[in-house]
Amino acid sequence: MMNNKKELLPEKRAALLEILRARFKKNNSRHKDIEWTKVQAKIEANTSKLWSLNEMEITGGEPDIIDYDNKTNEYIFYDCSAESPKGRRSLCYDRSALDARKENKPVNNVLDMASEMGIELLTEEQYRYLQKLGKFDEKTSSWIATPANIRKLGGALFCDYRYETVFIYHNGAQSYYAARAFRGLLRV
């Protein structure tokens, strides 16, 4: 399916572009005034970004365009699955948290997986912006980028949406739960 250059085979590229196009049309309120043909041209011109979008898709993120950055000339995709992406759950926060676990280690950690996928972890501000576009994580939660001062003390942050409100919480970075994943973003 993938080669060493993180590129998709032509048939997989076509299938992914169709999924993204259909989601774009279905959720037009997330990206008013953005034209799909321009987005598609940028994606097709950058195969590593297409590979990252595929990673977001196959792990359950349902990536969709939520903004366009005029300064950088980039379209911004967020994971827009209703609940935290299923293929990214049960992960502790980072490598040092994973290494510190003596038993019952998860298979990976959030920061390494996001890096491997070529995406960025959402910040608190970005997570709150996502919640203005719909209701996400009503039954699950998502790790978010954690400030260095909190992480240095052993903690990490996560968010969810309950009672019509975005909540931000803390947990030990070594913790992991079946209902907690992470949401990412990709700039194309």
N, C-alpha and C. Protein backbone atom coordinates (compact mmCIF):
# COMPACT_ATOMS: atom_id res chain seq x y z
N MET A 1 0.84 -1.20 0.00
CA MET A 1 0.00 0.00 0.00
C MET A 1 0.87 1.25 0.00
N MET A 2 1.99 1.20 0.69
CA MET A 2 2.83 2.39 0.82
C MET A 2 4.27 1.98 0.53
N ASN A 3 5.02 2.88 -0.04
CA ASN A 3 6.44 2.58 -0.22
C ASN A 3 7.26 3.39 0.77
N ASN A 4 8.57 3.29 0.71
CA ASN A 4 9.43 3.96 1.68
C ASN A 4 9.36 5.48 1.63
N LYS A 5 8.88 6.04 0.54
CA LYS A 5 8.80 7.49 0.41
C LYS A 5 7.50 8.04 0.97
N LYS A 6 6.72 7.21 1.62
CA LYS A 6 5.43 7.62 2.18
C LYS A 6 4.52 8.16 1.08
N GLU A 7 4.39 7.38 0.03
CA GLU A 7 3.49 7.72 -1.07
C GLU A 7 2.47 6.62 -1.23
N LEU A 8 1.30 7.00 -1.69
CA LEU A 8 0.23 6.04 -1.92
C LEU A 8 0.24 5.58 -3.37
N LEU A 9 -0.19 4.37 -3.59
CA LEU A 9 -0.37 3.87 -4.95
C LEU A 9 -1.47 4.67 -5.63
N PRO A 10 -1.45 4.80 -6.96
CA PRO A 10 -2.42 5.62 -7.68
C PRO A 10 -3.89 5.30 -7.35
N GLU A 11 -4.24 4.02 -7.25
CA GLU A 11 -5.64 3.68 -6.95
C GLU A 11 -6.04 4.09 -5.54
N LYS A 12 -5.09 4.02 -4.60
CA LYS A 12 -5.37 4.46 -3.22
C LYS A 12 -5.50 5.98 -3.16
N ARG A 13 -4.67 6.69 -3.94
CA ARG A 13 -4.77 8.15 -4.00
C ARG A 13 -6.14 8.56 -4.50
N ALA A 14 -6.60 7.93 -5.57
CA ALA A 14 -7.89 8.27 -6.16
C ALA A 14 -9.02 7.99 -5.17
N ALA A 15 -8.95 6.86 -4.49
CA ALA A 15 -10.00 6.51 -3.52
C ALA A 15 -10.02 7.52 -2.36
N LEU A 16 -8.84 7.88 -1.86
CA LEU A 16 -8.78 8.85 -0.75
C LEU A 16 -9.29 10.21 -1.19
N LEU A 17 -8.90 10.66 -2.37
CA LEU A 17 -9.39 11.96 -2.85
C LEU A 17 -10.90 11.97 -2.98
N GLU A 18 -11.49 10.86 -3.37
CA GLU A 18 -12.95 10.79 -3.47
C GLU A 18 -13.59 10.86 -2.09
N ILE A 19 -13.01 10.19 -1.11
CA ILE A 19 -13.53 10.26 0.27
C ILE A 19 -13.46 11.70 0.78
N LEU A 20 -12.31 12.35 0.57
CA LEU A 20 -12.14 13.73 1.03
C LEU A 20 -13.09 14.69 0.32
N ARG A 21 -13.28 14.49 -1.00
CA ARG A 21 -14.19 15.34 -1.76
C ARG A 21 -15.63 15.19 -1.26
N ALA A 22 -16.06 13.96 -1.03
CA ALA A 22 -17.42 13.71 -0.54
C ALA A 22 -17.62 14.33 0.84
N ARG A 23 -16.63 14.20 1.72
CA ARG A 23 -16.73 14.78 3.06
C ARG A 23 -16.76 16.31 2.97
N PHE A 24 -15.96 16.86 2.07
CA PHE A 24 -15.91 18.30 1.85
C PHE A 24 -17.30 18.82 1.46
N LYS A 25 -17.94 18.13 0.50
CA LYS A 25 -19.26 18.54 0.03
C LYS A 25 -20.32 18.39 1.13
N LYS A 26 -20.25 17.29 1.87
CA LYS A 26 -21.23 17.00 2.92
C LYS A 26 -21.17 18.01 4.06
N ASN A 27 -20.00 18.52 4.36
CA ASN A 27 -19.79 19.40 5.51
C ASN A 27 -19.36 20.80 5.07
N ASN A 28 -20.06 21.35 4.10
CA ASN A 28 -19.69 22.63 3.52
C ASN A 28 -19.63 23.77 4.55
N SER A 29 -20.38 23.68 5.62
CA SER A 29 -20.39 24.75 6.62
C SER A 29 -19.04 24.88 7.33
N ARG A 30 -18.21 23.86 7.28
CA ARG A 30 -16.89 23.91 7.93
C ARG A 30 -15.89 24.75 7.14
N HIS A 31 -16.15 24.96 5.86
CA HIS A 31 -15.15 25.61 5.01
C HIS A 31 -15.80 26.46 3.91
N LYS A 32 -16.61 27.38 4.33
CA LYS A 32 -17.25 28.28 3.37
C LYS A 32 -16.19 29.04 2.58
N ASP A 33 -16.50 29.33 1.34
CA ASP A 33 -15.62 30.11 0.45
C ASP A 33 -14.33 29.40 0.06
N ILE A 34 -14.26 28.10 0.26
CA ILE A 34 -13.10 27.32 -0.20
C ILE A 34 -13.56 26.43 -1.33
N GLU A 35 -12.80 26.41 -2.41
CA GLU A 35 -13.14 25.62 -3.59
C GLU A 35 -12.38 24.30 -3.58
N TRP A 36 -13.12 23.19 -3.77
CA TRP A 36 -12.50 21.87 -3.75
C TRP A 36 -11.42 21.71 -4.81
N THR A 37 -11.62 22.24 -6.00
CA THR A 37 -10.63 22.04 -7.06
C THR A 37 -9.25 22.60 -6.67
N LYS A 38 -9.24 23.72 -5.97
CA LYS A 38 -7.97 24.30 -5.51
C LYS A 38 -7.33 23.44 -4.43
N VAL A 39 -8.16 22.92 -3.54
CA VAL A 39 -7.67 22.04 -2.47
C VAL A 39 -7.07 20.78 -3.09
N GLN A 40 -7.79 20.17 -4.01
CA GLN A 40 -7.34 18.94 -4.63
C GLN A 40 -6.01 19.15 -5.36
N ALA A 41 -5.87 20.26 -6.04
CA ALA A 41 -4.62 20.55 -6.75
C ALA A 41 -3.44 20.63 -5.78
N LYS A 42 -3.65 21.27 -4.62
CA LYS A 42 -2.57 21.38 -3.62
C LYS A 42 -2.22 20.02 -3.04
N ILE A 43 -3.25 19.21 -2.78
CA ILE A 43 -3.01 17.87 -2.23
C ILE A 43 -2.24 17.03 -3.23
N GLU A 44 -2.68 17.03 -4.47
CA GLU A 44 -2.04 16.21 -5.49
C GLU A 44 -0.60 16.64 -5.75
N ALA A 45 -0.29 17.90 -5.50
CA ALA A 45 1.07 18.40 -5.72
C ALA A 45 2.03 18.02 -4.59
N ASN A 46 1.48 17.48 -3.51
CA ASN A 46 2.32 17.14 -2.36
C ASN A 46 1.97 15.75 -1.85
N THR A 47 2.65 14.74 -2.39
CA THR A 47 2.30 13.36 -2.08
C THR A 47 2.52 12.99 -0.62
N SER A 48 3.47 13.61 0.06
CA SER A 48 3.66 13.28 1.47
C SER A 48 2.48 13.76 2.30
N LYS A 49 1.87 14.86 1.93
CA LYS A 49 0.68 15.35 2.63
C LYS A 49 -0.50 14.42 2.37
N LEU A 50 -0.59 13.92 1.15
CA LEU A 50 -1.65 12.96 0.82
C LEU A 50 -1.47 11.69 1.66
N TRP A 51 -0.22 11.26 1.83
CA TRP A 51 0.05 10.10 2.68
C TRP A 51 -0.41 10.37 4.11
N SER A 52 -0.12 11.57 4.64
CA SER A 52 -0.52 11.92 6.01
C SER A 52 -2.05 11.97 6.13
N LEU A 53 -2.72 12.50 5.12
CA LEU A 53 -4.19 12.50 5.13
C LEU A 53 -4.72 11.07 5.16
N ASN A 54 -4.06 10.19 4.44
CA ASN A 54 -4.48 8.78 4.46
C ASN A 54 -4.28 8.18 5.85
N GLU A 55 -3.19 8.51 6.50
CA GLU A 55 -2.97 8.03 7.87
C GLU A 55 -4.05 8.55 8.80
N MET A 56 -4.44 9.81 8.63
CA MET A 56 -5.53 10.36 9.44
C MET A 56 -6.81 9.57 9.18
N GLU A 57 -7.06 9.27 7.92
CA GLU A 57 -8.28 8.56 7.53
C GLU A 57 -8.30 7.13 8.05
N ILE A 58 -7.23 6.38 7.84
CA ILE A 58 -7.27 4.96 8.22
C ILE A 58 -7.25 4.74 9.73
N THR A 59 -6.86 5.75 10.50
CA THR A 59 -6.92 5.64 11.95
C THR A 59 -8.23 6.18 12.52
N GLY A 60 -9.15 6.57 11.62
CA GLY A 60 -10.49 6.97 12.05
C GLY A 60 -10.70 8.45 12.29
N GLY A 61 -9.78 9.29 11.82
CA GLY A 61 -9.89 10.72 12.09
C GLY A 61 -10.87 11.50 11.24
N GLU A 62 -11.23 10.96 10.09
CA GLU A 62 -12.14 11.66 9.16
C GLU A 62 -11.69 13.10 8.91
N PRO A 63 -10.50 13.27 8.34
CA PRO A 63 -9.98 14.63 8.13
C PRO A 63 -10.85 15.45 7.18
N ASP A 64 -10.99 16.72 7.51
CA ASP A 64 -11.74 17.65 6.68
C ASP A 64 -11.10 19.03 6.80
N ILE A 65 -11.30 19.84 5.80
CA ILE A 65 -10.76 21.20 5.79
C ILE A 65 -11.59 22.06 6.73
N ILE A 66 -10.91 22.78 7.59
CA ILE A 66 -11.63 23.67 8.50
C ILE A 66 -11.21 25.13 8.34
N ASP A 67 -10.13 25.37 7.58
CA ASP A 67 -9.68 26.75 7.44
C ASP A 67 -8.67 26.87 6.30
N TYR A 68 -8.40 28.11 5.93
CA TYR A 68 -7.36 28.43 4.95
C TYR A 68 -6.52 29.54 5.55
N ASP A 69 -5.21 29.38 5.56
CA ASP A 69 -4.29 30.37 6.11
C ASP A 69 -3.77 31.22 4.95
N ASN A 70 -4.23 32.46 4.86
CA ASN A 70 -3.80 33.37 3.79
C ASN A 70 -2.31 33.68 3.85
N LYS A 71 -1.75 33.76 5.05
CA LYS A 71 -0.34 34.11 5.20
C LYS A 71 0.58 33.03 4.63
N THR A 72 0.21 31.77 4.85
CA THR A 72 1.08 30.67 4.42
C THR A 72 0.57 29.99 3.15
N ASN A 73 -0.61 30.38 2.68
CA ASN A 73 -1.24 29.76 1.51
C ASN A 73 -1.43 28.25 1.73
N GLU A 74 -1.97 27.91 2.92
CA GLU A 74 -2.18 26.51 3.26
C GLU A 74 -3.62 26.26 3.67
N TYR A 75 -4.13 25.11 3.25
CA TYR A 75 -5.42 24.62 3.73
C TYR A 75 -5.14 23.83 5.00
N ILE A 76 -6.03 23.94 5.97
CA ILE A 76 -5.82 23.28 7.25
C ILE A 76 -6.90 22.21 7.45
N PHE A 77 -6.44 20.98 7.59
CA PHE A 77 -7.31 19.84 7.85
C PHE A 77 -7.25 19.51 9.34
N TYR A 78 -8.39 19.23 9.93
CA TYR A 78 -8.47 18.72 11.30
C TYR A 78 -9.12 17.34 11.24
N ASP A 79 -8.86 16.53 12.26
CA ASP A 79 -9.63 15.30 12.45
C ASP A 79 -11.03 15.72 12.88
N CYS A 80 -12.03 15.32 12.11
CA CYS A 80 -13.40 15.73 12.38
C CYS A 80 -14.33 14.56 12.70
N SER A 81 -13.78 13.43 13.13
CA SER A 81 -14.63 12.30 13.53
C SER A 81 -15.44 12.72 14.76
N ALA A 82 -16.67 12.23 14.86
CA ALA A 82 -17.54 12.61 15.97
C ALA A 82 -16.89 12.28 17.32
N GLU A 83 -16.28 11.13 17.42
CA GLU A 83 -15.58 10.73 18.64
C GLU A 83 -14.09 10.63 18.33
N SER A 84 -13.28 10.53 19.36
CA SER A 84 -11.83 10.47 19.15
C SER A 84 -11.50 9.30 18.22
N PRO A 85 -10.53 9.48 17.33
CA PRO A 85 -10.21 8.45 16.33
C PRO A 85 -9.90 7.08 16.95
N LYS A 86 -10.65 6.08 16.53
CA LYS A 86 -10.52 4.73 17.10
C LYS A 86 -9.14 4.13 16.94
N GLY A 87 -8.48 4.41 15.85
CA GLY A 87 -7.16 3.83 15.62
C GLY A 87 -6.04 4.52 16.35
N ARG A 88 -6.37 5.47 17.22
CA ARG A 88 -5.35 6.20 17.97
C ARG A 88 -5.65 6.22 19.47
N ARG A 89 -6.44 5.29 19.93
CA ARG A 89 -6.81 5.26 21.35
C ARG A 89 -5.83 4.40 22.14
N SER A 90 -5.96 4.51 23.46
CA SER A 90 -5.14 3.73 24.40
C SER A 90 -3.65 4.01 24.22
N LEU A 91 -3.31 5.29 24.14
CA LEU A 91 -1.92 5.73 24.03
C LEU A 91 -1.59 6.66 25.18
N CYS A 92 -0.41 6.51 25.76
CA CYS A 92 0.03 7.50 26.74
C CYS A 92 0.55 8.72 25.97
N TYR A 93 0.96 9.76 26.68
CA TYR A 93 1.21 11.04 26.01
C TYR A 93 2.49 11.09 25.17
N ASP A 94 3.63 10.68 25.73
CA ASP A 94 4.88 10.81 24.98
C ASP A 94 5.84 9.66 25.29
N ARG A 95 7.01 9.68 24.66
CA ARG A 95 7.98 8.59 24.78
C ARG A 95 8.45 8.44 26.22
N SER A 96 8.73 9.53 26.93
CA SER A 96 9.22 9.39 28.31
C SER A 96 8.14 8.78 29.20
N ALA A 97 6.88 9.11 28.95
CA ALA A 97 5.79 8.49 29.72
C ALA A 97 5.70 7.00 29.41
N LEU A 98 5.84 6.66 28.16
CA LEU A 98 5.80 5.24 27.76
C LEU A 98 6.98 4.48 28.38
N ASP A 99 8.16 5.05 28.32
CA ASP A 99 9.34 4.39 28.87
C ASP A 99 9.25 4.25 30.39
N ALA A 100 8.56 5.17 31.05
CA ALA A 100 8.44 5.14 32.51
C ALA A 100 7.47 4.06 33.01
N ARG A 101 6.58 3.60 32.14
CA ARG A 101 5.64 2.55 32.56
C ARG A 101 6.39 1.25 32.74
N LYS A 102 6.19 0.61 33.88
CA LYS A 102 6.87 -0.64 34.17
C LYS A 102 6.11 -1.85 33.62
N GLU A 103 4.79 -1.77 33.60
CA GLU A 103 3.98 -2.88 33.08
C GLU A 103 2.74 -2.32 32.40
N ASN A 104 2.07 -3.18 31.66
CA ASN A 104 0.86 -2.79 30.91
C ASN A 104 1.11 -1.59 30.01
N LYS A 105 2.22 -1.63 29.29
CA LYS A 105 2.56 -0.52 28.40
C LYS A 105 1.63 -0.50 27.20
N PRO A 106 1.19 0.70 26.78
CA PRO A 106 0.44 0.79 25.53
C PRO A 106 1.37 0.53 24.34
N VAL A 107 0.79 0.36 23.17
CA VAL A 107 1.59 0.03 22.00
C VAL A 107 2.39 1.23 21.46
N ASN A 108 1.98 2.44 21.81
CA ASN A 108 2.64 3.62 21.28
C ASN A 108 2.29 4.81 22.17
N ASN A 109 2.73 5.98 21.77
CA ASN A 109 2.38 7.20 22.49
C ASN A 109 1.94 8.26 21.48
N VAL A 110 1.24 9.24 21.98
CA VAL A 110 0.61 10.27 21.15
C VAL A 110 1.62 11.05 20.31
N LEU A 111 2.65 11.58 20.94
CA LEU A 111 3.58 12.45 20.20
C LEU A 111 4.34 11.69 19.12
N ASP A 112 4.78 10.47 19.42
CA ASP A 112 5.48 9.69 18.40
C ASP A 112 4.54 9.33 17.25
N MET A 113 3.32 8.93 17.58
CA MET A 113 2.39 8.54 16.51
C MET A 113 2.05 9.73 15.62
N ALA A 114 1.80 10.88 16.22
CA ALA A 114 1.50 12.09 15.43
C ALA A 114 2.68 12.42 14.51
N SER A 115 3.88 12.33 15.03
CA SER A 115 5.08 12.60 14.23
C SER A 115 5.21 11.60 13.09
N GLU A 116 5.00 10.31 13.38
CA GLU A 116 5.06 9.28 12.35
C GLU A 116 4.03 9.53 11.25
N MET A 117 2.87 10.06 11.63
CA MET A 117 1.79 10.34 10.68
C MET A 117 2.05 11.64 9.90
N GLY A 118 2.95 12.48 10.41
CA GLY A 118 3.23 13.76 9.76
C GLY A 118 2.21 14.83 10.08
N ILE A 119 1.57 14.72 11.26
CA ILE A 119 0.55 15.70 11.66
C ILE A 119 0.93 16.35 12.99
N GLU A 120 0.24 17.43 13.31
CA GLU A 120 0.45 18.14 14.57
C GLU A 120 -0.69 17.83 15.52
N LEU A 121 -0.41 17.78 16.80
CA LEU A 121 -1.42 17.61 17.83
C LEU A 121 -2.17 18.93 18.00
N LEU A 122 -3.50 18.87 18.15
CA LEU A 122 -4.26 20.10 18.37
C LEU A 122 -3.87 20.74 19.70
N THR A 123 -3.86 22.06 19.72
CA THR A 123 -3.69 22.81 20.96
C THR A 123 -5.06 23.01 21.59
N GLU A 124 -5.10 23.55 22.80
CA GLU A 124 -6.38 23.84 23.44
C GLU A 124 -7.20 24.81 22.58
N GLU A 125 -6.56 25.85 22.09
CA GLU A 125 -7.25 26.84 21.26
C GLU A 125 -7.82 26.19 19.99
N GLN A 126 -7.05 25.34 19.35
CA GLN A 126 -7.52 24.67 18.14
C GLN A 126 -8.66 23.70 18.45
N TYR A 127 -8.58 23.02 19.58
CA TYR A 127 -9.65 22.11 19.99
C TYR A 127 -10.95 22.89 20.22
N ARG A 128 -10.85 24.03 20.87
CA ARG A 128 -12.03 24.86 21.11
C ARG A 128 -12.62 25.37 19.78
N TYR A 129 -11.75 25.69 18.83
CA TYR A 129 -12.22 26.11 17.50
C TYR A 129 -12.98 24.97 16.82
N LEU A 130 -12.44 23.76 16.89
CA LEU A 130 -13.12 22.60 16.31
C LEU A 130 -14.53 22.46 16.88
N GLN A 131 -14.69 22.67 18.17
CA GLN A 131 -15.99 22.50 18.80
C GLN A 131 -17.01 23.55 18.32
N LYS A 132 -16.56 24.63 17.73
CA LYS A 132 -17.48 25.62 17.15
C LYS A 132 -18.07 25.12 15.83
N LEU A 133 -17.45 24.07 15.25
CA LEU A 133 -17.89 23.54 13.96
C LEU A 133 -18.85 22.36 14.11
N GLY A 134 -19.06 21.90 15.32
CA GLY A 134 -19.93 20.76 15.57
C GLY A 134 -19.74 20.29 16.99
N LYS A 135 -20.27 19.10 17.27
CA LYS A 135 -20.10 18.51 18.60
C LYS A 135 -19.20 17.29 18.46
N PHE A 136 -18.05 17.34 19.10
CA PHE A 136 -17.05 16.28 19.01
C PHE A 136 -16.68 15.80 20.41
N ASP A 137 -16.34 14.55 20.54
CA ASP A 137 -15.93 13.96 21.82
C ASP A 137 -17.01 14.08 22.89
N GLU A 138 -18.24 13.74 22.54
CA GLU A 138 -19.31 13.73 23.55
C GLU A 138 -19.27 12.48 24.41
N LYS A 139 -18.58 11.44 23.94
CA LYS A 139 -18.45 10.19 24.71
C LYS A 139 -16.99 9.80 24.93
N THR A 140 -16.09 10.49 24.26
CA THR A 140 -14.66 10.17 24.34
C THR A 140 -13.91 11.43 24.74
N SER A 141 -12.59 11.35 24.76
CA SER A 141 -11.77 12.53 25.03
C SER A 141 -10.54 12.47 24.13
N SER A 142 -9.86 13.60 24.02
CA SER A 142 -8.69 13.70 23.14
C SER A 142 -7.54 14.42 23.84
N TRP A 143 -6.36 13.78 23.81
CA TRP A 143 -5.15 14.45 24.28
C TRP A 143 -4.92 15.70 23.43
N ILE A 144 -4.40 16.75 24.04
CA ILE A 144 -4.03 17.97 23.31
C ILE A 144 -2.58 18.32 23.64
N ALA A 145 -1.98 19.20 22.84
CA ALA A 145 -0.61 19.63 23.08
C ALA A 145 -0.52 20.22 24.49
N THR A 146 0.45 19.77 25.22
CA THR A 146 0.60 20.15 26.63
C THR A 146 1.78 21.11 26.80
N PRO A 147 1.56 22.23 27.49
CA PRO A 147 2.67 23.16 27.74
C PRO A 147 3.82 22.47 28.47
N ALA A 148 5.04 22.87 28.15
CA ALA A 148 6.25 22.24 28.71
C ALA A 148 6.27 22.27 30.24
N ASN A 149 5.79 23.35 30.85
CA ASN A 149 5.84 23.43 32.32
C ASN A 149 4.94 22.37 32.98
N ILE A 150 3.82 22.05 32.36
CA ILE A 150 2.93 21.01 32.89
C ILE A 150 3.56 19.63 32.64
N ARG A 151 4.08 19.44 31.44
CA ARG A 151 4.68 18.15 31.10
C ARG A 151 5.89 17.87 31.97
N LYS A 152 6.67 18.89 32.28
CA LYS A 152 7.86 18.74 33.12
C LYS A 152 7.50 18.20 34.50
N LEU A 153 6.31 18.51 34.96
CA LEU A 153 5.85 18.05 36.27
C LEU A 153 5.15 16.69 36.20
N GLY A 154 5.11 16.09 35.00
CA GLY A 154 4.54 14.74 34.86
C GLY A 154 3.13 14.69 34.30
N GLY A 155 2.55 15.84 34.04
CA GLY A 155 1.16 15.87 33.58
C GLY A 155 1.03 16.04 32.08
N ALA A 156 -0.19 15.85 31.61
CA ALA A 156 -0.55 16.09 30.22
C ALA A 156 -2.02 16.49 30.19
N LEU A 157 -2.43 17.19 29.14
CA LEU A 157 -3.78 17.72 29.05
C LEU A 157 -4.63 16.97 28.02
N PHE A 158 -5.92 16.92 28.30
CA PHE A 158 -6.88 16.36 27.35
C PHE A 158 -8.19 17.13 27.48
N CYS A 159 -9.03 17.01 26.45
CA CYS A 159 -10.31 17.73 26.41
C CYS A 159 -11.43 16.80 26.03
N ASP A 160 -12.65 17.24 26.33
CA ASP A 160 -13.84 16.59 25.82
C ASP A 160 -14.97 17.62 25.79
N TYR A 161 -16.14 17.19 25.34
CA TYR A 161 -17.30 18.08 25.23
C TYR A 161 -18.46 17.43 25.99
N ARG A 162 -18.86 18.07 27.09
CA ARG A 162 -19.98 17.59 27.89
C ARG A 162 -20.81 18.79 28.32
N TYR A 163 -22.10 18.57 28.49
CA TYR A 163 -22.99 19.62 28.99
C TYR A 163 -22.89 20.91 28.19
N GLU A 164 -22.76 20.75 26.86
CA GLU A 164 -22.66 21.91 25.96
C GLU A 164 -21.43 22.78 26.26
N THR A 165 -20.37 22.15 26.81
CA THR A 165 -19.18 22.89 27.23
C THR A 165 -17.92 22.08 26.90
N VAL A 166 -16.88 22.78 26.49
CA VAL A 166 -15.57 22.15 26.32
C VAL A 166 -14.88 22.15 27.68
N PHE A 167 -14.45 20.97 28.10
CA PHE A 167 -13.70 20.84 29.34
C PHE A 167 -12.26 20.48 29.03
N ILE A 168 -11.35 21.08 29.78
CA ILE A 168 -9.94 20.73 29.69
C ILE A 168 -9.55 20.12 31.03
N TYR A 169 -8.83 19.02 30.97
CA TYR A 169 -8.45 18.29 32.17
C TYR A 169 -6.95 18.00 32.13
N HIS A 170 -6.48 17.43 33.23
CA HIS A 170 -5.10 16.97 33.31
C HIS A 170 -5.10 15.52 33.77
N ASN A 171 -4.04 14.83 33.43
CA ASN A 171 -3.85 13.46 33.85
C ASN A 171 -2.34 13.21 33.85
N GLY A 172 -1.92 12.17 34.50
CA GLY A 172 -0.52 11.79 34.39
C GLY A 172 -0.23 11.40 32.95
N ALA A 173 0.89 11.82 32.42
CA ALA A 173 1.22 11.54 31.02
C ALA A 173 1.35 10.05 30.75
N GLN A 174 1.57 9.24 31.79
CA GLN A 174 1.71 7.80 31.62
C GLN A 174 0.37 7.09 31.45
N SER A 175 -0.73 7.79 31.76
CA SER A 175 -2.04 7.15 31.70
C SER A 175 -2.50 6.95 30.26
N TYR A 176 -3.37 5.99 30.09
CA TYR A 176 -4.01 5.77 28.79
C TYR A 176 -5.35 5.09 29.01
N TYR A 177 -6.30 5.39 28.12
CA TYR A 177 -7.67 4.91 28.27
C TYR A 177 -8.24 4.51 26.92
N ALA A 178 -9.13 3.56 26.94
CA ALA A 178 -9.75 3.05 25.72
C ALA A 178 -10.63 4.10 25.03
N ALA A 179 -11.04 5.11 25.75
CA ALA A 179 -11.90 6.14 25.16
C ALA A 179 -11.15 7.46 24.94
N ARG A 180 -9.82 7.43 25.00
CA ARG A 180 -9.05 8.65 24.77
C ARG A 180 -8.04 8.42 23.65
N ALA A 181 -8.07 9.33 22.68
CA ALA A 181 -7.13 9.29 21.57
C ALA A 181 -6.51 10.67 21.45
N PHE A 182 -6.19 11.07 20.23
CA PHE A 182 -5.74 12.43 19.98
C PHE A 182 -6.26 12.86 18.62
N ARG A 183 -6.46 14.15 18.50
CA ARG A 183 -6.86 14.77 17.23
C ARG A 183 -5.68 15.57 16.72
N GLY A 184 -5.54 15.54 15.40
CA GLY A 184 -4.43 16.27 14.82
C GLY A 184 -4.87 17.21 13.73
N LEU A 185 -3.88 17.93 13.22
CA LEU A 185 -4.12 18.81 12.09
C LEU A 185 -3.00 18.65 11.10
N LEU A 186 -3.33 18.98 9.86
CA LEU A 186 -2.35 18.93 8.78
C LEU A 186 -2.51 20.16 7.92
N ARG A 187 -1.39 20.80 7.62
CA ARG A 187 -1.39 21.96 6.74
C ARG A 187 -0.94 21.52 5.36
N VAL A 188 -1.74 21.87 4.34
CA VAL A 188 -1.43 21.48 2.96
C VAL A 188 -1.34 22.73 2.12
